[in-house]
N, C-alpha and C. Protein backbone atom coordinates (compact mmCIF):
# COMPACT_ATOMS: atom_id res chain seq x y z
N MET A 1 -39.18 6.48 -29.09
CA MET A 1 -38.73 5.27 -28.45
C MET A 1 -37.25 5.42 -28.12
N ALA A 2 -36.92 5.15 -26.88
CA ALA A 2 -35.54 5.30 -26.42
C ALA A 2 -34.70 4.12 -26.87
N SER A 3 -33.46 4.41 -27.18
CA SER A 3 -32.54 3.37 -27.62
C SER A 3 -31.90 2.69 -26.42
N ARG A 4 -31.70 1.39 -26.52
CA ARG A 4 -31.06 0.64 -25.44
C ARG A 4 -29.56 0.50 -25.65
N ARG A 5 -29.07 1.03 -26.73
CA ARG A 5 -27.65 0.91 -27.00
C ARG A 5 -26.86 1.80 -26.07
N ARG A 6 -25.69 1.32 -25.67
CA ARG A 6 -24.81 2.10 -24.81
C ARG A 6 -23.97 3.02 -25.66
N GLU A 7 -23.72 4.17 -25.12
CA GLU A 7 -22.80 5.10 -25.77
C GLU A 7 -21.37 4.68 -25.48
N HIS A 8 -20.43 5.27 -26.20
CA HIS A 8 -19.02 4.96 -26.00
C HIS A 8 -18.61 5.33 -24.57
N GLY A 9 -17.91 4.40 -23.87
CA GLY A 9 -17.45 4.65 -22.51
C GLY A 9 -18.46 4.32 -21.44
N GLN A 10 -19.61 3.73 -21.81
CA GLN A 10 -20.62 3.39 -20.82
C GLN A 10 -20.67 1.88 -20.56
N GLY A 11 -19.54 1.23 -20.64
CA GLY A 11 -19.48 -0.21 -20.46
C GLY A 11 -19.76 -0.62 -19.02
N GLN A 12 -20.01 -1.91 -18.85
CA GLN A 12 -20.31 -2.46 -17.54
C GLN A 12 -19.11 -2.38 -16.61
N GLY A 13 -17.92 -2.63 -17.13
CA GLY A 13 -16.75 -2.79 -16.29
C GLY A 13 -16.19 -1.51 -15.71
N GLY A 14 -16.56 -0.41 -16.18
CA GLY A 14 -16.03 0.86 -15.68
C GLY A 14 -15.67 1.77 -16.83
N LYS A 15 -15.72 3.01 -16.59
CA LYS A 15 -15.51 4.00 -17.63
C LYS A 15 -14.02 4.21 -17.84
N LYS A 16 -13.60 4.21 -19.11
CA LYS A 16 -12.20 4.47 -19.40
C LYS A 16 -11.88 5.91 -19.04
N GLY A 17 -10.69 6.11 -18.48
CA GLY A 17 -10.30 7.47 -18.11
C GLY A 17 -11.25 8.06 -17.10
N ALA A 18 -11.56 7.32 -16.04
CA ALA A 18 -12.52 7.76 -15.04
C ALA A 18 -12.04 8.99 -14.30
N ALA A 19 -12.73 9.35 -13.23
CA ALA A 19 -12.57 10.62 -12.55
C ALA A 19 -11.14 10.99 -12.19
N GLY A 20 -10.30 10.00 -11.91
CA GLY A 20 -8.90 10.29 -11.65
C GLY A 20 -8.61 10.54 -10.18
N ALA A 21 -7.72 11.50 -9.92
CA ALA A 21 -7.22 11.74 -8.56
C ALA A 21 -8.31 12.00 -7.53
N PRO A 22 -9.37 12.77 -7.84
CA PRO A 22 -10.39 12.99 -6.80
C PRO A 22 -11.05 11.70 -6.31
N GLU A 23 -11.17 10.71 -7.15
CA GLU A 23 -11.79 9.45 -6.74
C GLU A 23 -10.78 8.33 -6.59
N ALA A 24 -9.49 8.63 -6.58
CA ALA A 24 -8.41 7.66 -6.40
C ALA A 24 -8.49 6.55 -7.43
N THR A 25 -8.75 6.92 -8.68
CA THR A 25 -8.76 5.95 -9.77
C THR A 25 -7.88 6.47 -10.89
N GLY A 26 -7.51 5.57 -11.74
CA GLY A 26 -6.71 5.91 -12.91
C GLY A 26 -6.72 4.75 -13.87
N SER A 27 -6.24 4.97 -15.08
CA SER A 27 -6.29 3.91 -16.08
C SER A 27 -5.39 2.76 -15.65
N ASN A 28 -5.94 1.55 -15.72
CA ASN A 28 -5.24 0.35 -15.30
C ASN A 28 -4.59 -0.28 -16.53
N PRO A 29 -3.26 -0.33 -16.60
CA PRO A 29 -2.62 -0.86 -17.79
C PRO A 29 -2.85 -2.36 -18.00
N THR A 30 -3.23 -3.10 -16.96
CA THR A 30 -3.45 -4.54 -17.10
C THR A 30 -4.91 -4.88 -17.39
N ASP A 31 -5.80 -3.87 -17.43
CA ASP A 31 -7.22 -4.15 -17.64
C ASP A 31 -7.78 -3.25 -18.73
N ARG A 32 -7.11 -3.19 -19.85
CA ARG A 32 -7.55 -2.45 -21.04
C ARG A 32 -7.85 -0.98 -20.77
N GLY A 33 -7.15 -0.38 -19.83
CA GLY A 33 -7.29 1.04 -19.57
C GLY A 33 -8.51 1.44 -18.76
N LYS A 34 -9.23 0.47 -18.19
CA LYS A 34 -10.38 0.81 -17.35
C LYS A 34 -9.90 1.44 -16.05
N ALA A 35 -10.81 2.07 -15.37
CA ALA A 35 -10.48 2.72 -14.11
C ALA A 35 -10.06 1.68 -13.08
N GLY A 36 -8.95 1.96 -12.38
CA GLY A 36 -8.46 1.04 -11.37
C GLY A 36 -7.92 1.80 -10.18
N CYS A 37 -7.70 1.10 -9.09
CA CYS A 37 -7.26 1.70 -7.84
C CYS A 37 -6.09 0.89 -7.29
N LYS A 38 -5.18 1.57 -6.59
CA LYS A 38 -4.03 0.92 -5.98
C LYS A 38 -3.98 1.28 -4.51
N ARG A 39 -3.68 0.28 -3.65
CA ARG A 39 -3.49 0.52 -2.23
C ARG A 39 -1.99 0.56 -1.94
N THR A 40 -1.54 1.61 -1.27
CA THR A 40 -0.16 1.68 -0.80
C THR A 40 -0.21 1.42 0.70
N LEU A 41 0.51 0.41 1.14
CA LEU A 41 0.42 -0.06 2.52
C LEU A 41 1.75 0.15 3.23
N LEU A 42 1.67 0.70 4.44
CA LEU A 42 2.83 0.82 5.33
C LEU A 42 2.53 -0.06 6.52
N SER A 43 3.43 -1.01 6.83
CA SER A 43 3.16 -1.94 7.93
C SER A 43 4.36 -2.00 8.86
N ASP A 44 4.12 -2.60 10.03
CA ASP A 44 5.21 -2.78 10.98
C ASP A 44 5.94 -4.08 10.65
N ALA A 45 6.84 -4.51 11.52
CA ALA A 45 7.67 -5.69 11.26
C ALA A 45 6.87 -6.98 11.22
N LYS A 46 5.65 -6.98 11.78
CA LYS A 46 4.82 -8.18 11.78
C LYS A 46 3.77 -8.17 10.68
N GLY A 47 3.75 -7.12 9.87
CA GLY A 47 2.78 -7.02 8.79
C GLY A 47 1.50 -6.31 9.18
N ILE A 48 1.39 -5.84 10.40
CA ILE A 48 0.19 -5.14 10.85
C ILE A 48 0.16 -3.76 10.20
N PRO A 49 -0.94 -3.40 9.54
CA PRO A 49 -0.98 -2.13 8.81
C PRO A 49 -0.92 -0.91 9.73
N LEU A 50 -0.06 0.03 9.35
CA LEU A 50 0.04 1.30 10.06
C LEU A 50 -0.67 2.41 9.30
N SER A 51 -0.62 2.34 7.96
CA SER A 51 -1.34 3.31 7.14
C SER A 51 -1.64 2.70 5.78
N VAL A 52 -2.73 3.15 5.19
CA VAL A 52 -3.14 2.73 3.85
C VAL A 52 -3.52 3.98 3.08
N VAL A 53 -3.01 4.10 1.87
CA VAL A 53 -3.30 5.25 1.02
C VAL A 53 -3.80 4.73 -0.32
N LEU A 54 -4.82 5.37 -0.89
CA LEU A 54 -5.37 4.98 -2.18
C LEU A 54 -4.92 5.95 -3.26
N CYS A 55 -4.72 5.41 -4.46
CA CYS A 55 -4.38 6.26 -5.61
C CYS A 55 -4.80 5.54 -6.88
N GLY A 56 -4.62 6.19 -8.01
CA GLY A 56 -4.94 5.59 -9.30
C GLY A 56 -4.02 4.42 -9.61
N ALA A 57 -4.49 3.53 -10.48
CA ALA A 57 -3.77 2.29 -10.74
C ALA A 57 -2.42 2.52 -11.41
N LYS A 58 -2.28 3.57 -12.18
CA LYS A 58 -1.05 3.76 -12.94
C LYS A 58 -0.05 4.68 -12.23
N ARG A 59 -0.36 5.13 -11.05
CA ARG A 59 0.53 6.04 -10.31
C ARG A 59 1.72 5.28 -9.77
N HIS A 60 2.90 5.85 -9.90
CA HIS A 60 4.12 5.18 -9.45
C HIS A 60 4.19 5.13 -7.93
N ASP A 61 4.71 4.02 -7.40
CA ASP A 61 4.77 3.82 -5.96
C ASP A 61 5.57 4.90 -5.24
N SER A 62 6.66 5.34 -5.84
CA SER A 62 7.52 6.30 -5.15
C SER A 62 6.82 7.64 -4.92
N LYS A 63 5.81 7.95 -5.70
CA LYS A 63 5.08 9.20 -5.53
C LYS A 63 4.17 9.16 -4.31
N MET A 64 3.86 7.97 -3.81
CA MET A 64 2.93 7.82 -2.70
C MET A 64 3.62 7.64 -1.35
N LEU A 65 4.96 7.62 -1.33
CA LEU A 65 5.67 7.36 -0.09
C LEU A 65 5.41 8.42 0.97
N SER A 66 5.45 9.69 0.59
CA SER A 66 5.24 10.75 1.58
C SER A 66 3.82 10.70 2.15
N GLU A 67 2.83 10.40 1.30
CA GLU A 67 1.45 10.32 1.79
C GLU A 67 1.28 9.11 2.73
N ALA A 68 1.95 8.00 2.42
CA ALA A 68 1.85 6.82 3.29
C ALA A 68 2.50 7.08 4.64
N LEU A 69 3.62 7.79 4.66
CA LEU A 69 4.27 8.11 5.93
C LEU A 69 3.46 9.11 6.73
N ASP A 70 2.78 10.04 6.06
CA ASP A 70 1.96 11.04 6.75
C ASP A 70 0.64 10.46 7.27
N ALA A 71 0.19 9.34 6.68
CA ALA A 71 -1.11 8.78 7.03
C ALA A 71 -1.08 7.86 8.24
N VAL A 72 0.07 7.70 8.89
CA VAL A 72 0.14 6.85 10.07
C VAL A 72 -0.77 7.42 11.15
N VAL A 73 -1.67 6.60 11.64
CA VAL A 73 -2.70 7.06 12.57
C VAL A 73 -2.17 7.13 14.00
N VAL A 74 -1.45 6.10 14.43
CA VAL A 74 -0.96 6.03 15.80
C VAL A 74 0.41 6.68 15.87
N ALA A 75 0.60 7.57 16.83
CA ALA A 75 1.90 8.22 16.98
C ALA A 75 2.93 7.20 17.43
N VAL A 76 4.02 7.14 16.69
CA VAL A 76 5.10 6.20 17.01
C VAL A 76 6.01 6.86 18.03
N PRO A 77 6.32 6.17 19.13
CA PRO A 77 7.20 6.79 20.13
C PRO A 77 8.59 7.06 19.57
N ALA A 78 9.23 8.06 20.11
CA ALA A 78 10.56 8.43 19.64
C ALA A 78 11.55 7.30 19.95
N PRO A 79 12.47 7.03 19.03
CA PRO A 79 13.43 5.96 19.28
C PRO A 79 14.43 6.34 20.37
N GLY A 80 14.97 5.32 21.03
CA GLY A 80 15.98 5.55 22.06
C GLY A 80 17.29 6.01 21.44
N GLU A 81 18.28 6.23 22.26
CA GLU A 81 19.56 6.73 21.77
C GLU A 81 20.23 5.74 20.82
N GLN A 82 20.19 4.47 21.15
CA GLN A 82 20.86 3.45 20.34
C GLN A 82 19.96 2.86 19.27
N GLU A 83 18.68 3.18 19.31
CA GLU A 83 17.73 2.58 18.38
C GLU A 83 17.65 3.37 17.08
N GLN A 84 17.59 2.65 15.97
CA GLN A 84 17.44 3.26 14.65
C GLN A 84 16.20 2.67 13.99
N ARG A 85 15.33 3.50 13.46
CA ARG A 85 14.14 3.02 12.75
C ARG A 85 14.51 2.69 11.31
N HIS A 86 13.93 1.61 10.80
CA HIS A 86 14.23 1.14 9.45
C HIS A 86 12.99 1.25 8.57
N LEU A 87 13.22 1.51 7.28
CA LEU A 87 12.16 1.56 6.28
C LEU A 87 12.59 0.66 5.14
N LEU A 88 11.86 -0.45 4.94
CA LEU A 88 12.20 -1.43 3.91
C LEU A 88 11.31 -1.20 2.70
N LEU A 89 11.94 -0.94 1.56
CA LEU A 89 11.21 -0.65 0.34
C LEU A 89 11.74 -1.52 -0.80
N ASP A 90 10.99 -1.62 -1.89
CA ASP A 90 11.46 -2.40 -3.02
C ASP A 90 12.13 -1.50 -4.07
N ARG A 91 12.52 -2.09 -5.18
CA ARG A 91 13.28 -1.37 -6.20
C ARG A 91 12.50 -0.20 -6.81
N GLY A 92 11.19 -0.23 -6.74
CA GLY A 92 10.39 0.86 -7.29
C GLY A 92 10.61 2.18 -6.57
N TYR A 93 11.13 2.14 -5.37
CA TYR A 93 11.37 3.34 -4.57
C TYR A 93 12.82 3.82 -4.66
N ASP A 94 13.60 3.27 -5.58
CA ASP A 94 15.00 3.64 -5.70
C ASP A 94 15.14 4.98 -6.42
N THR A 95 14.78 6.04 -5.73
CA THR A 95 14.95 7.40 -6.23
C THR A 95 15.60 8.24 -5.13
N GLN A 96 16.24 9.30 -5.55
CA GLN A 96 16.88 10.18 -4.57
C GLN A 96 15.84 10.85 -3.67
N ALA A 97 14.68 11.17 -4.23
CA ALA A 97 13.62 11.80 -3.44
C ALA A 97 13.14 10.88 -2.31
N CYS A 98 13.00 9.58 -2.59
CA CYS A 98 12.56 8.64 -1.55
C CYS A 98 13.62 8.48 -0.48
N ARG A 99 14.87 8.42 -0.89
CA ARG A 99 15.95 8.29 0.09
C ARG A 99 16.03 9.54 0.98
N GLN A 100 15.85 10.72 0.38
CA GLN A 100 15.89 11.96 1.15
C GLN A 100 14.70 12.06 2.10
N LEU A 101 13.53 11.63 1.64
CA LEU A 101 12.34 11.64 2.50
C LEU A 101 12.53 10.74 3.71
N ALA A 102 13.13 9.57 3.50
CA ALA A 102 13.40 8.67 4.63
C ALA A 102 14.37 9.31 5.62
N LEU A 103 15.39 9.98 5.11
CA LEU A 103 16.33 10.67 6.00
C LEU A 103 15.63 11.78 6.78
N ASP A 104 14.77 12.54 6.11
CA ASP A 104 14.05 13.63 6.77
C ASP A 104 13.13 13.11 7.88
N GLU A 105 12.59 11.91 7.69
CA GLU A 105 11.70 11.30 8.70
C GLU A 105 12.49 10.60 9.80
N GLY A 106 13.82 10.56 9.68
CA GLY A 106 14.65 9.89 10.67
C GLY A 106 14.66 8.38 10.53
N LEU A 107 14.47 7.89 9.31
CA LEU A 107 14.41 6.45 9.04
C LEU A 107 15.63 6.02 8.24
N LEU A 108 16.11 4.83 8.50
CA LEU A 108 17.20 4.25 7.74
C LEU A 108 16.58 3.45 6.60
N ALA A 109 16.74 3.91 5.37
CA ALA A 109 16.09 3.29 4.21
C ALA A 109 16.91 2.10 3.70
N HIS A 110 16.22 0.99 3.49
CA HIS A 110 16.81 -0.19 2.85
C HIS A 110 16.12 -0.35 1.51
N ILE A 111 16.77 0.17 0.45
CA ILE A 111 16.19 0.14 -0.89
C ILE A 111 17.21 -0.52 -1.82
N PRO A 112 16.87 -1.65 -2.42
CA PRO A 112 17.81 -2.26 -3.37
C PRO A 112 17.96 -1.38 -4.61
N LYS A 113 19.12 -1.41 -5.21
CA LYS A 113 19.39 -0.63 -6.41
C LYS A 113 18.66 -1.22 -7.60
N LYS A 114 18.24 -0.33 -8.52
CA LYS A 114 17.62 -0.78 -9.76
C LYS A 114 18.68 -1.43 -10.65
N SER A 115 18.23 -2.34 -11.44
CA SER A 115 19.13 -3.02 -12.37
C SER A 115 19.41 -2.12 -13.57
N THR A 116 20.67 -2.01 -13.94
CA THR A 116 21.06 -1.28 -15.15
C THR A 116 21.96 -2.19 -15.96
N ALA A 117 22.33 -1.72 -17.14
CA ALA A 117 23.19 -2.54 -18.00
C ALA A 117 24.58 -2.71 -17.40
N ALA A 118 25.11 -1.65 -16.77
CA ALA A 118 26.46 -1.73 -16.22
C ALA A 118 26.52 -2.65 -14.99
N PRO A 119 25.83 -2.34 -13.88
CA PRO A 119 25.84 -3.28 -12.76
C PRO A 119 24.53 -4.07 -12.69
N PRO A 120 24.47 -5.28 -13.26
CA PRO A 120 23.22 -6.06 -13.17
C PRO A 120 22.98 -6.53 -11.74
N ILE A 121 21.77 -6.99 -11.50
CA ILE A 121 21.41 -7.50 -10.17
C ILE A 121 22.16 -8.80 -9.94
N PRO A 122 22.84 -8.96 -8.81
CA PRO A 122 23.55 -10.22 -8.53
C PRO A 122 22.58 -11.40 -8.45
N ALA A 123 23.10 -12.57 -8.70
CA ALA A 123 22.28 -13.79 -8.66
C ALA A 123 21.81 -14.07 -7.23
N PRO A 124 20.69 -14.79 -7.07
CA PRO A 124 20.24 -15.16 -5.73
C PRO A 124 21.32 -15.96 -4.99
N GLY A 125 21.53 -15.65 -3.73
CA GLY A 125 22.56 -16.31 -2.94
C GLY A 125 23.89 -15.58 -2.96
N ASP A 126 24.05 -14.63 -3.86
CA ASP A 126 25.28 -13.84 -3.92
C ASP A 126 25.33 -12.90 -2.71
N PRO A 127 26.47 -12.78 -2.03
CA PRO A 127 26.52 -11.89 -0.86
C PRO A 127 26.30 -10.41 -1.18
N GLN A 128 26.48 -10.02 -2.43
CA GLN A 128 26.27 -8.63 -2.83
C GLN A 128 24.80 -8.31 -3.09
N ARG A 129 23.97 -9.32 -3.18
CA ARG A 129 22.55 -9.11 -3.47
C ARG A 129 21.84 -8.60 -2.22
N HIS A 130 20.93 -7.63 -2.42
CA HIS A 130 20.15 -7.08 -1.32
C HIS A 130 19.19 -8.16 -0.81
N PRO A 131 19.13 -8.40 0.51
CA PRO A 131 18.27 -9.48 1.02
C PRO A 131 16.79 -9.16 0.82
N PRO A 132 15.99 -10.19 0.50
CA PRO A 132 14.55 -9.95 0.33
C PRO A 132 13.88 -9.71 1.67
N ARG A 133 13.20 -8.58 1.81
CA ARG A 133 12.53 -8.24 3.07
C ARG A 133 11.10 -7.77 2.88
N ARG A 134 10.64 -7.65 1.65
CA ARG A 134 9.32 -7.09 1.39
C ARG A 134 8.20 -8.07 1.67
N TRP A 135 8.49 -9.31 2.03
CA TRP A 135 7.44 -10.28 2.23
C TRP A 135 6.48 -9.86 3.34
N VAL A 136 6.95 -9.05 4.28
CA VAL A 136 6.09 -8.61 5.39
C VAL A 136 4.93 -7.77 4.84
N VAL A 137 5.22 -6.88 3.91
CA VAL A 137 4.16 -6.05 3.32
C VAL A 137 3.27 -6.90 2.42
N GLU A 138 3.86 -7.87 1.73
CA GLU A 138 3.05 -8.73 0.86
C GLU A 138 2.08 -9.56 1.69
N VAL A 139 2.47 -9.96 2.90
CA VAL A 139 1.56 -10.66 3.80
C VAL A 139 0.39 -9.74 4.16
N GLY A 140 0.71 -8.47 4.44
CA GLY A 140 -0.35 -7.51 4.75
C GLY A 140 -1.33 -7.35 3.61
N HIS A 141 -0.82 -7.28 2.37
CA HIS A 141 -1.71 -7.17 1.21
C HIS A 141 -2.57 -8.43 1.07
N SER A 142 -2.01 -9.59 1.37
CA SER A 142 -2.82 -10.81 1.27
C SER A 142 -3.91 -10.83 2.33
N TRP A 143 -3.64 -10.27 3.51
CA TRP A 143 -4.68 -10.17 4.54
C TRP A 143 -5.81 -9.28 4.05
N PHE A 144 -5.48 -8.18 3.37
CA PHE A 144 -6.52 -7.31 2.83
C PHE A 144 -7.33 -8.04 1.76
N ASN A 145 -6.66 -8.82 0.92
CA ASN A 145 -7.35 -9.50 -0.18
C ASN A 145 -8.24 -10.64 0.27
N ARG A 146 -8.19 -11.00 1.54
CA ARG A 146 -9.10 -12.02 2.05
C ARG A 146 -10.51 -11.47 2.27
N PHE A 147 -10.66 -10.17 2.21
CA PHE A 147 -11.97 -9.53 2.32
C PHE A 147 -12.47 -9.24 0.91
N ARG A 148 -13.54 -9.91 0.50
CA ARG A 148 -14.03 -9.76 -0.86
C ARG A 148 -14.42 -8.33 -1.20
N ARG A 149 -14.92 -7.62 -0.21
CA ARG A 149 -15.37 -6.26 -0.45
C ARG A 149 -14.20 -5.34 -0.79
N ILE A 150 -13.01 -5.70 -0.37
CA ILE A 150 -11.83 -4.88 -0.59
C ILE A 150 -11.06 -5.33 -1.83
N GLN A 151 -11.06 -6.63 -2.10
CA GLN A 151 -10.25 -7.15 -3.20
C GLN A 151 -10.65 -6.53 -4.54
N THR A 152 -11.92 -6.40 -4.79
CA THR A 152 -12.41 -5.74 -6.00
C THR A 152 -13.15 -4.48 -5.57
N ARG A 153 -12.76 -3.36 -6.13
CA ARG A 153 -13.42 -2.10 -5.76
C ARG A 153 -14.73 -1.98 -6.53
N TRP A 154 -15.84 -1.91 -5.78
CA TRP A 154 -17.15 -1.75 -6.37
C TRP A 154 -17.67 -0.32 -6.19
N GLU A 155 -17.16 0.40 -5.22
CA GLU A 155 -17.65 1.74 -4.93
C GLU A 155 -17.05 2.73 -5.92
N LYS A 156 -17.87 3.66 -6.35
CA LYS A 156 -17.38 4.70 -7.26
C LYS A 156 -16.72 5.83 -6.49
N ARG A 157 -17.22 6.10 -5.30
CA ARG A 157 -16.67 7.20 -4.51
C ARG A 157 -15.50 6.73 -3.66
N GLN A 158 -14.45 7.54 -3.64
CA GLN A 158 -13.25 7.19 -2.89
C GLN A 158 -13.50 7.11 -1.40
N ASP A 159 -14.29 8.01 -0.85
CA ASP A 159 -14.49 8.03 0.59
C ASP A 159 -15.19 6.75 1.08
N LEU A 160 -16.09 6.18 0.28
CA LEU A 160 -16.75 4.94 0.67
C LEU A 160 -15.76 3.77 0.65
N TYR A 161 -14.97 3.69 -0.42
CA TYR A 161 -14.00 2.60 -0.51
C TYR A 161 -12.94 2.73 0.58
N LEU A 162 -12.48 3.96 0.83
CA LEU A 162 -11.49 4.18 1.88
C LEU A 162 -12.05 3.78 3.24
N GLY A 163 -13.34 4.02 3.47
CA GLY A 163 -13.97 3.60 4.71
C GLY A 163 -13.92 2.09 4.89
N PHE A 164 -14.20 1.34 3.80
CA PHE A 164 -14.12 -0.12 3.88
C PHE A 164 -12.68 -0.59 4.08
N VAL A 165 -11.73 0.08 3.43
CA VAL A 165 -10.32 -0.28 3.60
C VAL A 165 -9.88 -0.04 5.04
N GLU A 166 -10.28 1.09 5.62
CA GLU A 166 -9.91 1.38 7.01
C GLU A 166 -10.59 0.42 7.99
N LEU A 167 -11.83 0.07 7.72
CA LEU A 167 -12.52 -0.93 8.56
C LEU A 167 -11.80 -2.27 8.47
N THR A 168 -11.37 -2.65 7.28
CA THR A 168 -10.61 -3.88 7.10
C THR A 168 -9.30 -3.83 7.87
N ALA A 169 -8.62 -2.68 7.83
CA ALA A 169 -7.36 -2.53 8.58
C ALA A 169 -7.61 -2.70 10.08
N CYS A 170 -8.71 -2.14 10.58
CA CYS A 170 -9.05 -2.30 12.00
C CYS A 170 -9.31 -3.76 12.35
N LEU A 171 -10.02 -4.48 11.47
CA LEU A 171 -10.28 -5.89 11.72
C LEU A 171 -8.99 -6.71 11.71
N ILE A 172 -8.09 -6.39 10.79
CA ILE A 172 -6.80 -7.09 10.72
C ILE A 172 -6.01 -6.85 12.00
N ILE A 173 -5.95 -5.60 12.43
CA ILE A 173 -5.21 -5.28 13.65
C ILE A 173 -5.82 -5.99 14.84
N TRP A 174 -7.13 -5.98 14.94
CA TRP A 174 -7.80 -6.63 16.06
C TRP A 174 -7.54 -8.13 16.05
N ARG A 175 -7.60 -8.76 14.88
CA ARG A 175 -7.36 -10.21 14.79
C ARG A 175 -5.93 -10.58 15.16
N LYS A 176 -4.99 -9.70 14.85
CA LYS A 176 -3.59 -10.01 15.14
C LYS A 176 -3.22 -9.69 16.59
N LEU A 177 -3.86 -8.69 17.18
CA LEU A 177 -3.50 -8.29 18.54
C LEU A 177 -4.40 -8.90 19.62
N ALA A 178 -5.61 -9.33 19.29
CA ALA A 178 -6.53 -9.88 20.29
C ALA A 178 -5.99 -11.14 20.96
N PRO A 179 -5.36 -12.06 20.26
CA PRO A 179 -4.83 -13.25 20.95
C PRO A 179 -3.69 -12.91 21.91
N ILE A 180 -3.02 -11.79 21.70
CA ILE A 180 -1.89 -11.39 22.55
C ILE A 180 -2.38 -10.73 23.83
N ALA A 181 -3.40 -9.89 23.72
CA ALA A 181 -3.92 -9.13 24.85
C ALA A 181 -4.64 -10.05 25.84
N PRO A 182 -4.36 -9.94 27.12
CA PRO A 182 -5.05 -10.79 28.10
C PRO A 182 -6.50 -10.35 28.25
N LEU A 183 -7.37 -11.30 28.43
CA LEU A 183 -8.77 -11.00 28.66
C LEU A 183 -8.98 -10.70 30.12
N LYS A 184 -9.73 -9.66 30.43
CA LYS A 184 -10.04 -9.31 31.83
C LYS A 184 -11.37 -9.98 32.20
N LYS A 185 -11.33 -10.68 33.30
CA LYS A 185 -12.55 -11.34 33.77
C LYS A 185 -13.36 -10.35 34.58
N SER A 186 -14.65 -10.38 34.35
CA SER A 186 -15.53 -9.48 35.10
C SER A 186 -15.73 -10.05 36.50
N SER A 187 -15.78 -9.17 37.45
CA SER A 187 -15.99 -9.61 38.84
C SER A 187 -17.48 -9.73 39.11
N GLY A 188 -17.83 -10.82 39.76
CA GLY A 188 -19.21 -10.94 40.16
C GLY A 188 -19.86 -12.11 39.69
């Protein structure tokens, strides 16, 4: 007679220490170490997604910057002589490697400094404080979370989940750009 008891690590919610990098999962520190996934989003000034990269839940954001910049699908036209491209990042990206990567890509990085004991973060409203600009990306993440299939990852395989994420990005882009584009009337 077969036993119905589950073995260790065979829980309903997901296996602890799951497949890892090949399946874009990793231990989630906020969910008792179960397998989790993180989306890294690169968007334009209006919040429209340009690239989405998946990784494990515990992977640091600064490690995914080069992959997010490489994953841009549409070729961005070269800037004019007077034009400078900007890259707005949060304090998690305050590393020399991220700043150098932005320079190598020809981008002007806006990264607030991390808080330390010597120079603390200035109070809100202080002219020395870095202005908040990350809300554009947070709007993009909220657009993704409006799709139930994307908000909680149910797929075990990374390629299936990435397919749904990319389909969601296409729907977001279409919804944001369709009202702008003129409709062509058919003749006849």
